[in-house]
Amino acid sequence: MRINTINKIFYLSVILLFFFSSCVEKQTLYEEVKGSKPNIIYIMADDLGYGDLGCYGQDSIETPNIDKLASEGLLFTQHYAGSTVCAPSRNSLMTGQHIGNTTIKSMEKPIKKNDITVAEVLKSAGYSTAIIGKWGLGNVGTTGYANDKGFDYSFGYYDQIRAHNYYPDYLMENGKKISLKNEVIYIKDSTHYAVGIGNAATKKIEYSNDIFTDKALTYLDEQGSKPFFLYLPYTIPHGDNESWLIKQHGMEVPDLGDYADKNWPEAKKAGAAMISRLDSYVGQIMTKLKDKGLDENTLVIFTSDNGPHQEGGWKLSFFNSNGVLKGMKRDLYEGGIRIPFIARWPNKIKQNTTTNTVATFWDFMATASELAGVPLPSSSDGISYLPTLIADNKAQKKHDYLYWEFDTNLKRRAARKGSYKLITITDKKTDSTTIELFNIDKDITESKNIAADHPDIVKDLQSVINQFKKN
C-alpha cells in the first residue's frame, strides 16, 4: 500500500514537473523573443485572393515555395487587411491604425506628415529599413515620400498612378528616376481613375517585379550584423489598369510558363503564370536568406493587401480565387478583406501549424514594436500577435472590435465583434441602407442574414460604426 502511494506521488510529481516546465518554456520563449530584434521581411502580394495559394486550397495554380513557407511556419485562417483596396490597406499596415482613424481612406492621397510608420518605429530601434516594390503612399515632394517616413532605402513605384503598368519606362530609387528600356504611351482621358493619365507599354523588355526581386536580393547581400526590415510589396497579381489603351488583357507577365499549353483563355494562363512567378520570387528570397546565414534570425511574413480582383480578363470563379468566401476587392464581405497570411521563423514559430486567431494589418506595428523592444506609438490601434506566432495563446490579447469602410457610389461600413459581423451599405443617390448581420464562425460564406433575429447585436455593432462616421 505504501509503495503504491509512493508511486502515485512520484508519477504526480513527474506530471506536475512536465506541466510547469512547459509553462516556463513558453514564458521563457516569449521573454526571449520580445526585444530580440530579429530581421523582418514582409512580403505582400497585390489583390491575391484567399483561395489563390495551394496551402489555402488552390489546386490549379502552382505555388510550391509559398506552400513550403506555410509548412515550415504558421498559417492564419482569420487575418484581415486594413481595407478592401490598395492605398488605405497599406496605410493601415504602415501606421498601425484601422481605417476609421487613418488619414488615407481613398486611393491617391499621401501619408500625412504627422503619421508615424512602422519603419520609423523600427529605425528608432536600430534597424536598417527598405521598401522595394509598390509603396503607393506618396511621391517625392509630398508628405508621404518613403525616405521621409522611416525608410533608409526605397525603390519602385511611389504612387498609385503608375503602379499598375508592369513595364514602366522608369522606376524610382531614393527619390530619383531610374530609366528602363521599356517604351510607353501616355494618354489623357478624363474617365481614367488616376487624374486622367494612362500609361501603357508598347515595348516590353524589363518586367518591374523581376527588378524588385533583383533589388531585394542585392539588399540582402549588403546586410551585416545590424537588424533589418525589408518591406517587399509586389504588384502581382493586380491587373494592368492601362491595358485598355492598347486593347489587350491586363494580366501582364513575361511568359506563360507551365500554363502555356493549358486549354484556358489567355488571360487566365497569364494570371496563373503571374502568381507562380510571384511564388518563384519567394523561393529566391528564402534561398538567399539561407545562403547568407540569415535564415534562423529572420521572421518572414507573406500576405496580400486585400481580396482578389476581377479585372483585365481575370475571373474569380475560374480558379476559385476567394475560396469559400463571399465577395472580392472593394467589398466588405470576407472575400474582400480576409487574406492569406503566413509567418515563418525557425525555432520560434512551430512548423506546419495553423491558427484561428483574429489578427489584422494594423496589428503589425504592435508586433514589430514588441519584437524590437521599443514603445508602441499611442496612435496605434493594434495588438501584437507575437504570442500567437510563438504559440503562447494564453498571452494573446483580443480586439474589442474590428472596423472597415469603403466609399464609391455606395457607402460601405463593417464592424466585427467576436463572431458577429455587421455590414451596412448605403446608396448615396437614394439614401437607402441595407443592413446585414452574420455569424462568421458559423457562416463563413455570409449567406444567412440574421439581423432581424438579433436587434441588440445590430445596435451594438452599429454603435461601433457610428463612432467613425464623422471621420
Foldseek 3Di string as FASTA:
>chain_A
DVVVVVVVVVVVVVVVVVVVVVVVVLVVLLVCQFQQQFAEEEEAEAQFAQCNAVCSPFDPFDQVLVNVLQQQFEWEQAEWFLALHDPSRLQLLFQLARSLQAPDFDQFEAHALPRATLLQLLVVLQAAEEEFAEQAHDAPPHSRHPVSRNHPKYKAHDHDQPRQAQADQWIDIPRDTDGDPWDWDWAADCPDPPNRIAIYTPGHDDGRLVVSLVVVLVVLVPDDDTHYYYYYYHHPQDFRPRCVVVPAFGRDDPDLPPLPPPPDPPSVSSNSSRSNVVSVSSVVNQVSCVVVVSQQRYKYKYKYNWAHDCGRPDDCVVRVRNPLADDGRPDPTCRSIGMIMIIHHPPQGHGNYYDHANAYSSQNSVQSCRSSVHDRDPSHPHFHCSCVRRVVVVPGDHDQKHWYWHDDQWTWIWMDGQQKMWIWIARNVVRDIDIFIDRCVVCVHSPDGCCVVCVPVSVVRVVVVVVSPVD
